N, C-alpha and C. Protein backbone atom coordinates (compact mmCIF):
# COMPACT_ATOMS: atom_id res chain seq x y z
N MET A 1 125.12 59.35 50.93
CA MET A 1 125.42 60.43 49.99
C MET A 1 124.28 61.45 49.99
N PRO A 2 124.60 62.74 50.21
CA PRO A 2 123.54 63.75 50.23
C PRO A 2 122.91 63.92 48.86
N ILE A 3 121.62 64.25 48.86
CA ILE A 3 120.92 64.47 47.60
C ILE A 3 121.33 65.81 47.02
N MET A 4 121.59 65.85 45.73
CA MET A 4 122.02 67.06 45.06
C MET A 4 120.88 68.07 44.98
N THR A 5 121.24 69.32 44.69
CA THR A 5 120.24 70.35 44.46
C THR A 5 119.70 70.22 43.05
N PHE A 6 118.37 70.28 42.89
CA PHE A 6 117.80 70.14 41.56
C PHE A 6 117.94 71.44 40.78
N THR A 7 118.57 71.34 39.62
CA THR A 7 118.75 72.51 38.75
C THR A 7 118.21 72.25 37.34
N GLY A 8 117.51 71.13 37.17
CA GLY A 8 117.03 70.73 35.86
C GLY A 8 117.68 69.42 35.44
N PHE A 9 117.22 68.88 34.31
CA PHE A 9 117.79 67.63 33.79
C PHE A 9 118.82 67.95 32.72
N PRO A 10 120.05 67.48 32.87
CA PRO A 10 121.05 67.72 31.84
C PRO A 10 120.64 67.11 30.50
N ALA A 11 121.11 67.74 29.43
CA ALA A 11 120.82 67.20 28.09
C ALA A 11 121.36 65.79 27.92
N ASP A 12 122.37 65.44 28.72
CA ASP A 12 122.94 64.08 28.64
C ASP A 12 121.90 63.01 28.99
N ALA A 13 120.83 63.38 29.70
CA ALA A 13 119.79 62.41 30.01
C ALA A 13 119.13 61.90 28.73
N ILE A 14 118.86 62.81 27.81
CA ILE A 14 118.26 62.44 26.53
C ILE A 14 119.23 61.61 25.71
N THR A 15 120.48 62.04 25.68
CA THR A 15 121.51 61.32 24.93
C THR A 15 121.69 59.91 25.48
N PHE A 16 121.65 59.79 26.81
CA PHE A 16 121.81 58.48 27.44
C PHE A 16 120.72 57.52 26.97
N TYR A 17 119.47 57.97 27.00
CA TYR A 17 118.38 57.06 26.63
C TYR A 17 118.31 56.82 25.13
N ALA A 18 118.73 57.78 24.34
CA ALA A 18 118.81 57.54 22.89
C ALA A 18 119.83 56.44 22.61
N GLY A 19 120.94 56.49 23.32
CA GLY A 19 121.95 55.45 23.16
C GLY A 19 121.47 54.10 23.64
N LEU A 20 120.71 54.09 24.75
CA LEU A 20 120.20 52.84 25.29
C LEU A 20 119.18 52.20 24.35
N GLU A 21 118.38 53.03 23.68
CA GLU A 21 117.43 52.50 22.70
C GLU A 21 118.17 51.80 21.56
N ALA A 22 119.34 52.34 21.19
CA ALA A 22 120.12 51.74 20.10
C ALA A 22 120.90 50.51 20.55
N ASP A 23 121.26 50.47 21.82
CA ASP A 23 122.09 49.37 22.33
C ASP A 23 121.68 49.06 23.76
N ASN A 24 120.61 48.27 23.91
CA ASN A 24 120.12 47.92 25.24
C ASN A 24 120.88 46.70 25.72
N SER A 25 122.09 46.96 26.21
CA SER A 25 122.96 45.86 26.64
C SER A 25 123.64 46.23 27.94
N ARG A 26 124.12 45.22 28.64
CA ARG A 26 124.86 45.48 29.87
C ARG A 26 126.15 46.22 29.58
N ALA A 27 126.75 45.96 28.42
CA ALA A 27 127.99 46.64 28.06
C ALA A 27 127.76 48.15 27.93
N TYR A 28 126.65 48.53 27.26
CA TYR A 28 126.33 49.96 27.13
C TYR A 28 126.08 50.56 28.51
N TRP A 29 125.30 49.86 29.32
CA TRP A 29 124.95 50.40 30.64
C TRP A 29 126.21 50.61 31.50
N GLN A 30 127.08 49.63 31.51
CA GLN A 30 128.30 49.73 32.31
C GLN A 30 129.18 50.87 31.83
N ALA A 31 129.21 51.06 30.51
CA ALA A 31 130.06 52.12 29.95
C ALA A 31 129.49 53.51 30.24
N HIS A 32 128.16 53.60 30.50
CA HIS A 32 127.51 54.90 30.66
C HIS A 32 126.81 55.05 32.00
N LYS A 33 127.12 54.19 32.96
CA LYS A 33 126.40 54.23 34.23
C LYS A 33 126.65 55.53 34.99
N ASP A 34 127.81 56.14 34.80
CA ASP A 34 128.07 57.42 35.46
C ASP A 34 127.18 58.52 34.88
N THR A 35 126.90 58.44 33.58
CA THR A 35 125.98 59.40 32.96
C THR A 35 124.57 59.21 33.50
N TYR A 36 124.16 57.94 33.63
CA TYR A 36 122.84 57.66 34.21
C TYR A 36 122.74 58.25 35.62
N ALA A 37 123.76 58.06 36.42
CA ALA A 37 123.73 58.55 37.80
C ALA A 37 123.68 60.07 37.86
N ALA A 38 124.48 60.72 37.00
CA ALA A 38 124.61 62.18 37.06
C ALA A 38 123.50 62.92 36.33
N ALA A 39 122.99 62.34 35.23
CA ALA A 39 122.04 63.07 34.38
C ALA A 39 120.60 62.60 34.56
N VAL A 40 120.41 61.39 35.08
CA VAL A 40 119.05 60.84 35.22
C VAL A 40 118.70 60.64 36.69
N ARG A 41 119.33 59.68 37.32
CA ARG A 41 118.94 59.29 38.68
C ARG A 41 119.15 60.43 39.69
N GLY A 42 120.31 61.04 39.63
CA GLY A 42 120.61 62.11 40.59
C GLY A 42 119.63 63.27 40.52
N PRO A 43 119.46 63.88 39.33
CA PRO A 43 118.49 64.97 39.22
C PRO A 43 117.07 64.57 39.58
N LEU A 44 116.65 63.36 39.18
CA LEU A 44 115.29 62.92 39.49
C LEU A 44 115.10 62.80 41.00
N GLU A 45 116.04 62.21 41.69
CA GLU A 45 115.92 62.08 43.14
C GLU A 45 115.94 63.45 43.81
N ALA A 46 116.74 64.38 43.28
CA ALA A 46 116.77 65.73 43.83
C ALA A 46 115.43 66.43 43.64
N LEU A 47 114.84 66.27 42.46
CA LEU A 47 113.53 66.85 42.18
C LEU A 47 112.48 66.30 43.13
N LEU A 48 112.44 64.98 43.30
CA LEU A 48 111.44 64.35 44.13
C LEU A 48 111.62 64.71 45.60
N ASP A 49 112.85 64.84 46.03
CA ASP A 49 113.12 65.27 47.40
C ASP A 49 112.60 66.69 47.62
N ASP A 50 112.77 67.53 46.61
CA ASP A 50 112.30 68.91 46.66
C ASP A 50 110.78 68.99 46.74
N LEU A 51 110.09 68.07 46.08
CA LEU A 51 108.63 68.09 46.01
C LEU A 51 107.96 67.28 47.12
N ALA A 52 108.75 66.55 47.90
CA ALA A 52 108.18 65.63 48.89
C ALA A 52 107.35 66.35 49.95
N GLY A 53 107.76 67.55 50.33
CA GLY A 53 107.03 68.27 51.37
C GLY A 53 105.60 68.57 50.98
N GLU A 54 105.36 68.81 49.68
CA GLU A 54 104.01 69.12 49.21
C GLU A 54 103.23 67.88 48.80
N PHE A 55 103.91 66.92 48.16
CA PHE A 55 103.18 65.81 47.54
C PHE A 55 103.39 64.45 48.20
N GLY A 56 104.44 64.32 48.97
CA GLY A 56 104.73 63.04 49.61
C GLY A 56 105.99 62.40 49.05
N VAL A 57 106.44 61.36 49.72
CA VAL A 57 107.67 60.66 49.34
C VAL A 57 107.42 59.80 48.11
N ALA A 58 108.37 59.82 47.19
CA ALA A 58 108.24 59.10 45.93
C ALA A 58 109.00 57.77 45.96
N LYS A 59 108.55 56.86 45.12
CA LYS A 59 109.30 55.63 44.85
C LYS A 59 109.88 55.74 43.46
N VAL A 60 111.20 55.62 43.35
CA VAL A 60 111.87 55.63 42.05
C VAL A 60 111.98 54.18 41.58
N PHE A 61 111.48 53.92 40.39
CA PHE A 61 111.48 52.54 39.89
C PHE A 61 112.88 52.07 39.50
N ARG A 62 113.08 50.78 39.57
CA ARG A 62 114.35 50.19 39.16
C ARG A 62 114.56 50.37 37.66
N PRO A 63 115.78 50.60 37.22
CA PRO A 63 116.03 50.72 35.78
C PRO A 63 116.05 49.38 35.06
N ASN A 64 116.17 48.29 35.81
CA ASN A 64 116.23 46.96 35.20
C ASN A 64 114.82 46.46 34.88
N ARG A 65 114.69 45.75 33.76
CA ARG A 65 113.43 45.12 33.40
C ARG A 65 113.33 43.74 34.04
N ASP A 66 112.12 43.33 34.37
CA ASP A 66 111.87 41.95 34.80
C ASP A 66 111.60 41.14 33.53
N VAL A 67 112.57 40.35 33.13
CA VAL A 67 112.46 39.64 31.85
C VAL A 67 112.06 38.18 32.02
N ARG A 68 111.69 37.79 33.24
CA ARG A 68 111.42 36.36 33.49
C ARG A 68 110.30 35.81 32.62
N PHE A 69 109.26 36.61 32.39
CA PHE A 69 108.09 36.13 31.65
C PHE A 69 107.89 36.90 30.35
N SER A 70 108.94 37.53 29.86
CA SER A 70 108.83 38.35 28.66
C SER A 70 109.66 37.77 27.52
N ALA A 71 109.10 37.86 26.32
CA ALA A 71 109.88 37.42 25.15
C ALA A 71 111.00 38.40 24.86
N ASP A 72 110.81 39.67 25.24
CA ASP A 72 111.83 40.70 25.08
C ASP A 72 112.80 40.61 26.25
N LYS A 73 114.03 40.23 25.97
CA LYS A 73 115.02 40.03 27.03
C LYS A 73 115.94 41.24 27.20
N SER A 74 115.55 42.39 26.66
CA SER A 74 116.34 43.60 26.87
C SER A 74 116.46 43.85 28.37
N PRO A 75 117.67 44.04 28.88
CA PRO A 75 117.82 44.08 30.35
C PRO A 75 117.38 45.38 31.02
N TYR A 76 117.26 46.48 30.25
CA TYR A 76 116.99 47.76 30.88
C TYR A 76 115.75 48.43 30.30
N LYS A 77 115.03 49.16 31.16
CA LYS A 77 113.89 49.95 30.71
C LYS A 77 114.39 51.12 29.86
N ASP A 78 113.58 51.52 28.87
CA ASP A 78 113.97 52.64 28.01
C ASP A 78 113.51 53.98 28.57
N HIS A 79 113.20 53.99 29.87
CA HIS A 79 112.78 55.22 30.54
C HIS A 79 113.04 55.06 32.03
N GLN A 80 113.03 56.18 32.74
CA GLN A 80 113.13 56.15 34.20
C GLN A 80 111.89 56.81 34.77
N GLY A 81 111.16 56.09 35.61
CA GLY A 81 109.93 56.61 36.19
C GLY A 81 109.97 56.64 37.70
N ALA A 82 109.04 57.41 38.27
CA ALA A 82 108.87 57.46 39.72
C ALA A 82 107.41 57.78 40.01
N ILE A 83 106.93 57.32 41.15
CA ILE A 83 105.53 57.55 41.52
C ILE A 83 105.45 58.01 42.96
N VAL A 84 104.52 58.93 43.21
CA VAL A 84 104.20 59.39 44.55
C VAL A 84 102.81 58.86 44.88
N GLY A 85 102.70 58.04 45.90
CA GLY A 85 101.42 57.48 46.29
C GLY A 85 101.61 56.51 47.43
N ARG A 86 100.50 55.94 47.90
CA ARG A 86 100.60 55.00 49.01
C ARG A 86 101.28 53.71 48.57
N ASP A 87 101.19 53.38 47.26
CA ASP A 87 101.88 52.24 46.68
C ASP A 87 102.07 52.54 45.20
N THR A 88 102.38 51.53 44.41
CA THR A 88 102.62 51.77 42.98
C THR A 88 101.34 51.62 42.16
N THR A 89 100.19 51.54 42.81
CA THR A 89 98.93 51.35 42.11
C THR A 89 98.25 52.67 41.76
N LEU A 90 98.31 53.64 42.65
CA LEU A 90 97.58 54.89 42.48
C LEU A 90 98.44 56.05 42.95
N GLY A 91 98.61 57.05 42.09
CA GLY A 91 99.40 58.19 42.52
C GLY A 91 99.79 59.11 41.39
N LEU A 92 100.83 59.88 41.63
CA LEU A 92 101.35 60.87 40.70
C LEU A 92 102.64 60.34 40.08
N TYR A 93 102.84 60.60 38.79
CA TYR A 93 103.95 59.98 38.06
C TYR A 93 104.79 61.04 37.36
N VAL A 94 106.09 60.77 37.28
CA VAL A 94 106.99 61.55 36.43
C VAL A 94 107.93 60.57 35.75
N GLY A 95 108.23 60.81 34.47
CA GLY A 95 109.08 59.90 33.74
C GLY A 95 109.98 60.62 32.75
N LEU A 96 111.09 59.99 32.45
CA LEU A 96 112.11 60.57 31.58
C LEU A 96 112.58 59.51 30.60
N SER A 97 112.69 59.88 29.31
CA SER A 97 113.13 58.94 28.28
C SER A 97 113.84 59.71 27.17
N ALA A 98 114.15 59.01 26.09
CA ALA A 98 114.77 59.68 24.94
C ALA A 98 113.83 60.71 24.33
N ASP A 99 112.53 60.56 24.55
CA ASP A 99 111.55 61.50 24.01
C ASP A 99 111.34 62.71 24.90
N GLY A 100 111.91 62.69 26.09
CA GLY A 100 111.79 63.83 26.99
C GLY A 100 111.06 63.49 28.27
N LEU A 101 110.29 64.45 28.74
CA LEU A 101 109.70 64.40 30.08
C LEU A 101 108.19 64.24 30.00
N VAL A 102 107.64 63.40 30.87
CA VAL A 102 106.18 63.28 31.02
C VAL A 102 105.85 63.38 32.50
N ALA A 103 104.64 63.87 32.80
CA ALA A 103 104.16 63.92 34.18
C ALA A 103 102.66 63.73 34.17
N GLY A 104 102.15 63.16 35.24
CA GLY A 104 100.72 62.93 35.31
C GLY A 104 100.37 62.10 36.51
N GLY A 105 99.28 61.32 36.38
CA GLY A 105 98.85 60.49 37.50
C GLY A 105 97.63 59.68 37.13
N GLY A 106 97.21 58.83 38.08
CA GLY A 106 96.06 57.99 37.85
C GLY A 106 96.19 56.69 38.62
N PHE A 107 95.58 55.63 38.09
CA PHE A 107 95.69 54.34 38.76
C PHE A 107 95.94 53.23 37.75
N ARG A 108 96.69 52.23 38.20
CA ARG A 108 97.03 51.06 37.39
C ARG A 108 96.15 49.90 37.84
N ALA A 109 95.62 49.16 36.88
CA ALA A 109 94.73 48.04 37.19
C ALA A 109 95.54 46.84 37.66
N ALA A 110 96.03 46.92 38.88
CA ALA A 110 96.83 45.83 39.42
C ALA A 110 96.00 44.59 39.69
N THR A 111 94.70 44.78 39.94
CA THR A 111 93.78 43.66 40.17
C THR A 111 92.46 43.94 39.47
N PRO A 112 91.70 42.90 39.11
CA PRO A 112 90.37 43.12 38.53
C PRO A 112 89.44 43.90 39.46
N GLU A 113 89.64 43.77 40.77
CA GLU A 113 88.78 44.48 41.72
C GLU A 113 88.92 45.99 41.58
N LEU A 114 90.12 46.49 41.31
CA LEU A 114 90.29 47.93 41.13
C LEU A 114 89.52 48.41 39.90
N THR A 115 89.57 47.64 38.83
CA THR A 115 88.80 47.98 37.63
C THR A 115 87.32 47.95 37.92
N ARG A 116 86.86 46.95 38.67
CA ARG A 116 85.45 46.85 39.00
C ARG A 116 84.99 48.06 39.80
N ARG A 117 85.79 48.47 40.78
CA ARG A 117 85.43 49.61 41.62
C ARG A 117 85.41 50.90 40.78
N PHE A 118 86.37 51.05 39.89
CA PHE A 118 86.41 52.22 39.03
C PHE A 118 85.16 52.30 38.16
N ARG A 119 84.82 51.20 37.51
CA ARG A 119 83.66 51.21 36.61
C ARG A 119 82.36 51.43 37.38
N ALA A 120 82.25 50.86 38.56
CA ALA A 120 81.04 51.08 39.36
C ALA A 120 80.88 52.55 39.71
N ALA A 121 81.98 53.23 40.03
CA ALA A 121 81.91 54.65 40.37
C ALA A 121 81.64 55.51 39.14
N VAL A 122 82.17 55.12 37.98
CA VAL A 122 81.88 55.85 36.74
C VAL A 122 80.42 55.66 36.36
N ASP A 123 79.88 54.50 36.60
CA ASP A 123 78.49 54.20 36.26
C ASP A 123 77.51 54.96 37.17
N ALA A 124 77.83 55.09 38.45
CA ALA A 124 76.93 55.76 39.39
C ALA A 124 76.75 57.22 38.98
N PRO A 125 75.52 57.73 39.00
CA PRO A 125 75.27 59.08 38.47
C PRO A 125 76.13 60.18 39.10
N ALA A 126 76.13 60.30 40.42
CA ALA A 126 76.84 61.42 41.05
C ALA A 126 78.35 61.34 40.85
N SER A 127 78.95 60.20 41.22
CA SER A 127 80.41 60.06 41.09
C SER A 127 80.83 59.99 39.63
N GLY A 128 79.99 59.42 38.77
CA GLY A 128 80.32 59.32 37.35
C GLY A 128 80.34 60.66 36.66
N VAL A 129 79.32 61.48 36.92
CA VAL A 129 79.29 62.83 36.33
C VAL A 129 80.47 63.64 36.83
N ALA A 130 80.81 63.48 38.11
CA ALA A 130 81.93 64.23 38.69
C ALA A 130 83.25 63.89 38.01
N VAL A 131 83.53 62.60 37.84
CA VAL A 131 84.82 62.23 37.25
C VAL A 131 84.86 62.58 35.77
N MET A 132 83.74 62.49 35.09
CA MET A 132 83.70 62.87 33.68
C MET A 132 84.04 64.34 33.51
N ALA A 133 83.52 65.18 34.42
CA ALA A 133 83.82 66.61 34.37
C ALA A 133 85.30 66.86 34.63
N LEU A 134 85.89 66.11 35.55
CA LEU A 134 87.32 66.26 35.84
C LEU A 134 88.17 65.86 34.64
N VAL A 135 87.83 64.75 34.02
CA VAL A 135 88.59 64.28 32.85
C VAL A 135 88.44 65.26 31.69
N ASP A 136 87.24 65.76 31.46
CA ASP A 136 87.03 66.73 30.38
C ASP A 136 87.84 68.00 30.62
N ASP A 137 87.89 68.46 31.87
CA ASP A 137 88.64 69.67 32.19
C ASP A 137 90.14 69.46 31.97
N LEU A 138 90.64 68.32 32.40
CA LEU A 138 92.07 68.03 32.21
C LEU A 138 92.40 67.89 30.73
N SER A 139 91.53 67.26 29.97
CA SER A 139 91.75 67.12 28.52
C SER A 139 91.81 68.50 27.85
N ALA A 140 90.98 69.41 28.31
CA ALA A 140 90.96 70.77 27.75
C ALA A 140 92.23 71.54 28.10
N HIS A 141 92.97 71.08 29.10
CA HIS A 141 94.20 71.75 29.52
C HIS A 141 95.45 70.97 29.13
N GLY A 142 95.33 70.17 28.08
CA GLY A 142 96.52 69.54 27.51
C GLY A 142 96.88 68.16 28.04
N PHE A 143 96.05 67.58 28.89
CA PHE A 143 96.31 66.23 29.38
C PHE A 143 95.76 65.21 28.39
N GLU A 144 96.46 64.09 28.27
CA GLU A 144 96.01 62.98 27.43
C GLU A 144 95.54 61.84 28.33
N VAL A 145 94.45 61.19 27.92
CA VAL A 145 93.90 60.08 28.68
C VAL A 145 94.55 58.78 28.19
N HIS A 146 95.07 58.00 29.12
CA HIS A 146 95.74 56.74 28.78
C HIS A 146 95.20 55.63 29.69
N GLY A 147 95.56 54.42 29.34
CA GLY A 147 95.18 53.25 30.14
C GLY A 147 94.58 52.16 29.27
N ASP A 148 94.83 50.91 29.64
CA ASP A 148 94.26 49.78 28.89
C ASP A 148 92.75 49.88 28.86
N ALA A 149 92.16 49.49 27.73
CA ALA A 149 90.72 49.58 27.56
C ALA A 149 90.22 48.42 26.71
N VAL A 150 88.95 48.10 26.85
CA VAL A 150 88.32 47.11 25.97
C VAL A 150 87.81 47.83 24.72
N ALA A 151 87.58 47.05 23.66
CA ALA A 151 87.24 47.65 22.36
C ALA A 151 85.81 48.18 22.30
N THR A 152 84.89 47.53 22.98
CA THR A 152 83.49 47.96 22.88
C THR A 152 82.97 48.37 24.25
N ALA A 153 82.10 47.57 24.83
CA ALA A 153 81.59 47.86 26.18
C ALA A 153 81.94 46.70 27.09
N PRO A 154 82.36 46.98 28.32
CA PRO A 154 82.61 45.88 29.25
C PRO A 154 81.31 45.16 29.59
N ARG A 155 81.44 43.93 30.02
CA ARG A 155 80.27 43.11 30.33
C ARG A 155 79.41 43.81 31.40
N GLY A 156 78.11 43.89 31.13
CA GLY A 156 77.19 44.50 32.08
C GLY A 156 76.88 45.95 31.80
N TYR A 157 77.54 46.54 30.78
CA TYR A 157 77.31 47.95 30.46
C TYR A 157 76.90 48.08 28.99
N SER A 158 76.06 49.05 28.72
CA SER A 158 75.56 49.27 27.37
C SER A 158 76.51 50.17 26.58
N THR A 159 76.58 49.94 25.28
CA THR A 159 77.43 50.78 24.42
C THR A 159 76.91 52.21 24.33
N ASP A 160 75.64 52.45 24.69
CA ASP A 160 75.12 53.82 24.62
C ASP A 160 75.12 54.50 25.99
N HIS A 161 75.88 53.95 26.94
CA HIS A 161 76.03 54.58 28.26
C HIS A 161 76.64 55.97 28.07
N PRO A 162 76.16 57.00 28.76
CA PRO A 162 76.69 58.35 28.55
C PRO A 162 78.18 58.50 28.89
N ARG A 163 78.71 57.56 29.64
CA ARG A 163 80.14 57.64 30.00
C ARG A 163 80.88 56.38 29.53
N ILE A 164 80.45 55.85 28.38
CA ILE A 164 81.03 54.61 27.89
C ILE A 164 82.52 54.73 27.60
N ALA A 165 82.99 55.92 27.21
CA ALA A 165 84.42 56.08 26.92
C ALA A 165 85.27 55.81 28.16
N LEU A 166 84.79 56.22 29.32
CA LEU A 166 85.51 55.93 30.56
C LEU A 166 85.28 54.49 31.02
N LEU A 167 84.07 54.00 30.84
CA LEU A 167 83.76 52.64 31.28
C LEU A 167 84.58 51.59 30.54
N ARG A 168 84.98 51.91 29.33
CA ARG A 168 85.81 50.97 28.57
C ARG A 168 87.17 50.78 29.21
N ARG A 169 87.61 51.73 29.97
CA ARG A 169 88.97 51.67 30.52
C ARG A 169 89.07 50.73 31.72
N LYS A 170 90.15 49.96 31.72
CA LYS A 170 90.45 49.10 32.86
C LYS A 170 91.21 49.89 33.92
N GLU A 171 91.88 50.94 33.49
CA GLU A 171 92.69 51.80 34.35
C GLU A 171 92.67 53.20 33.76
N LEU A 172 93.18 54.16 34.50
CA LEU A 172 93.07 55.54 34.04
C LEU A 172 94.31 56.33 34.40
N PHE A 173 94.92 56.95 33.38
CA PHE A 173 96.04 57.86 33.59
C PHE A 173 95.76 59.16 32.83
N LEU A 174 96.07 60.27 33.45
CA LEU A 174 96.00 61.59 32.80
C LEU A 174 97.42 62.12 32.74
N MET A 175 97.95 62.29 31.52
CA MET A 175 99.37 62.59 31.35
C MET A 175 99.60 63.85 30.53
N ARG A 176 100.66 64.58 30.89
CA ARG A 176 101.17 65.68 30.08
C ARG A 176 102.51 65.26 29.50
N ASP A 177 102.61 65.27 28.18
CA ASP A 177 103.86 64.93 27.49
C ASP A 177 104.55 66.24 27.13
N PHE A 178 105.63 66.55 27.83
CA PHE A 178 106.34 67.81 27.61
C PHE A 178 107.35 67.74 26.47
N GLY A 179 107.80 66.53 26.13
CA GLY A 179 108.91 66.43 25.19
C GLY A 179 110.17 66.98 25.84
N VAL A 180 110.92 67.76 25.08
CA VAL A 180 112.14 68.39 25.62
C VAL A 180 111.96 69.91 25.51
N PRO A 181 111.28 70.52 26.46
CA PRO A 181 110.99 71.96 26.39
C PRO A 181 112.22 72.80 26.70
N HIS A 182 112.10 74.09 26.49
CA HIS A 182 113.25 74.98 26.70
C HIS A 182 113.69 75.01 28.16
N TRP A 183 112.79 74.64 29.09
CA TRP A 183 113.13 74.68 30.52
C TRP A 183 113.62 73.32 31.04
N PHE A 184 113.81 72.36 30.17
CA PHE A 184 114.18 71.00 30.57
C PHE A 184 115.40 70.98 31.49
N SER A 185 116.41 71.79 31.17
CA SER A 185 117.66 71.78 31.92
C SER A 185 117.76 72.94 32.90
N THR A 186 116.62 73.44 33.34
CA THR A 186 116.60 74.57 34.27
C THR A 186 115.75 74.23 35.49
N PRO A 187 115.87 75.00 36.58
CA PRO A 187 115.03 74.76 37.76
C PRO A 187 113.54 74.91 37.49
N GLN A 188 113.16 75.54 36.38
CA GLN A 188 111.74 75.68 36.06
C GLN A 188 111.05 74.34 35.90
N ALA A 189 111.81 73.29 35.59
CA ALA A 189 111.23 71.96 35.44
C ALA A 189 110.49 71.55 36.71
N ARG A 190 111.01 71.95 37.85
CA ARG A 190 110.34 71.63 39.12
C ARG A 190 108.94 72.23 39.15
N GLU A 191 108.81 73.49 38.78
CA GLU A 191 107.51 74.14 38.86
C GLU A 191 106.53 73.59 37.82
N GLU A 192 107.04 73.21 36.67
CA GLU A 192 106.16 72.66 35.63
C GLU A 192 105.58 71.32 36.08
N ILE A 193 106.40 70.49 36.69
CA ILE A 193 105.92 69.20 37.16
C ILE A 193 104.99 69.39 38.35
N ALA A 194 105.36 70.29 39.26
CA ALA A 194 104.49 70.56 40.40
C ALA A 194 103.13 71.08 39.95
N ALA A 195 103.10 71.91 38.92
CA ALA A 195 101.83 72.44 38.41
C ALA A 195 100.94 71.33 37.87
N VAL A 196 101.53 70.37 37.18
CA VAL A 196 100.77 69.22 36.68
C VAL A 196 100.18 68.45 37.86
N TRP A 197 100.99 68.17 38.84
CA TRP A 197 100.53 67.38 39.98
C TRP A 197 99.45 68.11 40.77
N ARG A 198 99.58 69.43 40.90
CA ARG A 198 98.53 70.18 41.61
C ARG A 198 97.21 70.11 40.86
N ARG A 199 97.27 70.21 39.55
CA ARG A 199 96.03 70.17 38.77
C ARG A 199 95.35 68.80 38.88
N LEU A 200 96.11 67.78 39.20
CA LEU A 200 95.54 66.44 39.33
C LEU A 200 94.96 66.17 40.73
N THR A 201 95.07 67.13 41.64
CA THR A 201 94.60 66.92 43.01
C THR A 201 93.14 66.46 43.08
N PRO A 202 92.20 67.09 42.34
CA PRO A 202 90.80 66.64 42.45
C PRO A 202 90.58 65.21 41.97
N ILE A 203 91.20 64.84 40.86
CA ILE A 203 90.96 63.48 40.36
C ILE A 203 91.72 62.45 41.19
N ARG A 204 92.84 62.86 41.76
CA ARG A 204 93.53 61.96 42.68
C ARG A 204 92.64 61.68 43.90
N ALA A 205 91.98 62.72 44.41
CA ALA A 205 91.06 62.55 45.54
C ALA A 205 89.90 61.65 45.17
N TRP A 206 89.38 61.81 43.93
CA TRP A 206 88.27 60.97 43.48
C TRP A 206 88.70 59.51 43.43
N LEU A 207 89.88 59.25 42.89
CA LEU A 207 90.38 57.88 42.81
C LEU A 207 90.62 57.30 44.19
N GLU A 208 91.14 58.11 45.12
CA GLU A 208 91.36 57.63 46.48
C GLU A 208 90.04 57.24 47.13
N GLU A 209 88.99 58.01 46.87
CA GLU A 209 87.70 57.73 47.48
C GLU A 209 87.01 56.52 46.86
N HIS A 210 87.06 56.40 45.55
CA HIS A 210 86.22 55.42 44.86
C HIS A 210 86.96 54.17 44.39
N VAL A 211 88.26 54.24 44.23
CA VAL A 211 89.00 53.10 43.65
C VAL A 211 89.95 52.46 44.63
N ALA A 212 90.66 53.25 45.41
CA ALA A 212 91.65 52.72 46.34
C ALA A 212 90.98 51.77 47.34
N THR A 213 91.74 50.77 47.77
CA THR A 213 91.20 49.81 48.74
C THR A 213 91.98 49.89 50.04
């Protein structure tokens, strides 16, 4: 099946996920799977195909949850995400839910070694000052810093370290939460997401150099 032309995300995408939040069941999914295909999956794949030439090929995550080791047995994720990167550990992200659209990037602490490498680079004077400047600049331009973190200082680091806020993090994501902007259902959504990803180019390069294995 050919990929559709991206023209924005239909408003039905928001309605679909609002309904799924209220009724996360196979019956709801089966009754609305055509809406998911037309308003969520189809437009997202078209967007990612459009951006692949500049940013690389994306992986679209499965809508099903892995409930084998979870107390929450809800069968479906309450959002649809995709990542551009060499794997699902480090790269650029876009996601869609009942709350709207988010875009950003960073790295996920898939192993303790990735966290160790990140903290070592934050601690080192040259690479640490560089990444702190990148994070501060992104924060000043509307990005929010996310990622699991410890409450105080990780073992081996002092609480008065000049970059303790970053050292506390096990992983690092810089995200823009758009909500449901006026351009949500228009082709402008492509440029807004591309602009976020372009602004993340320096920190993506830093993570590739210092964290990726």
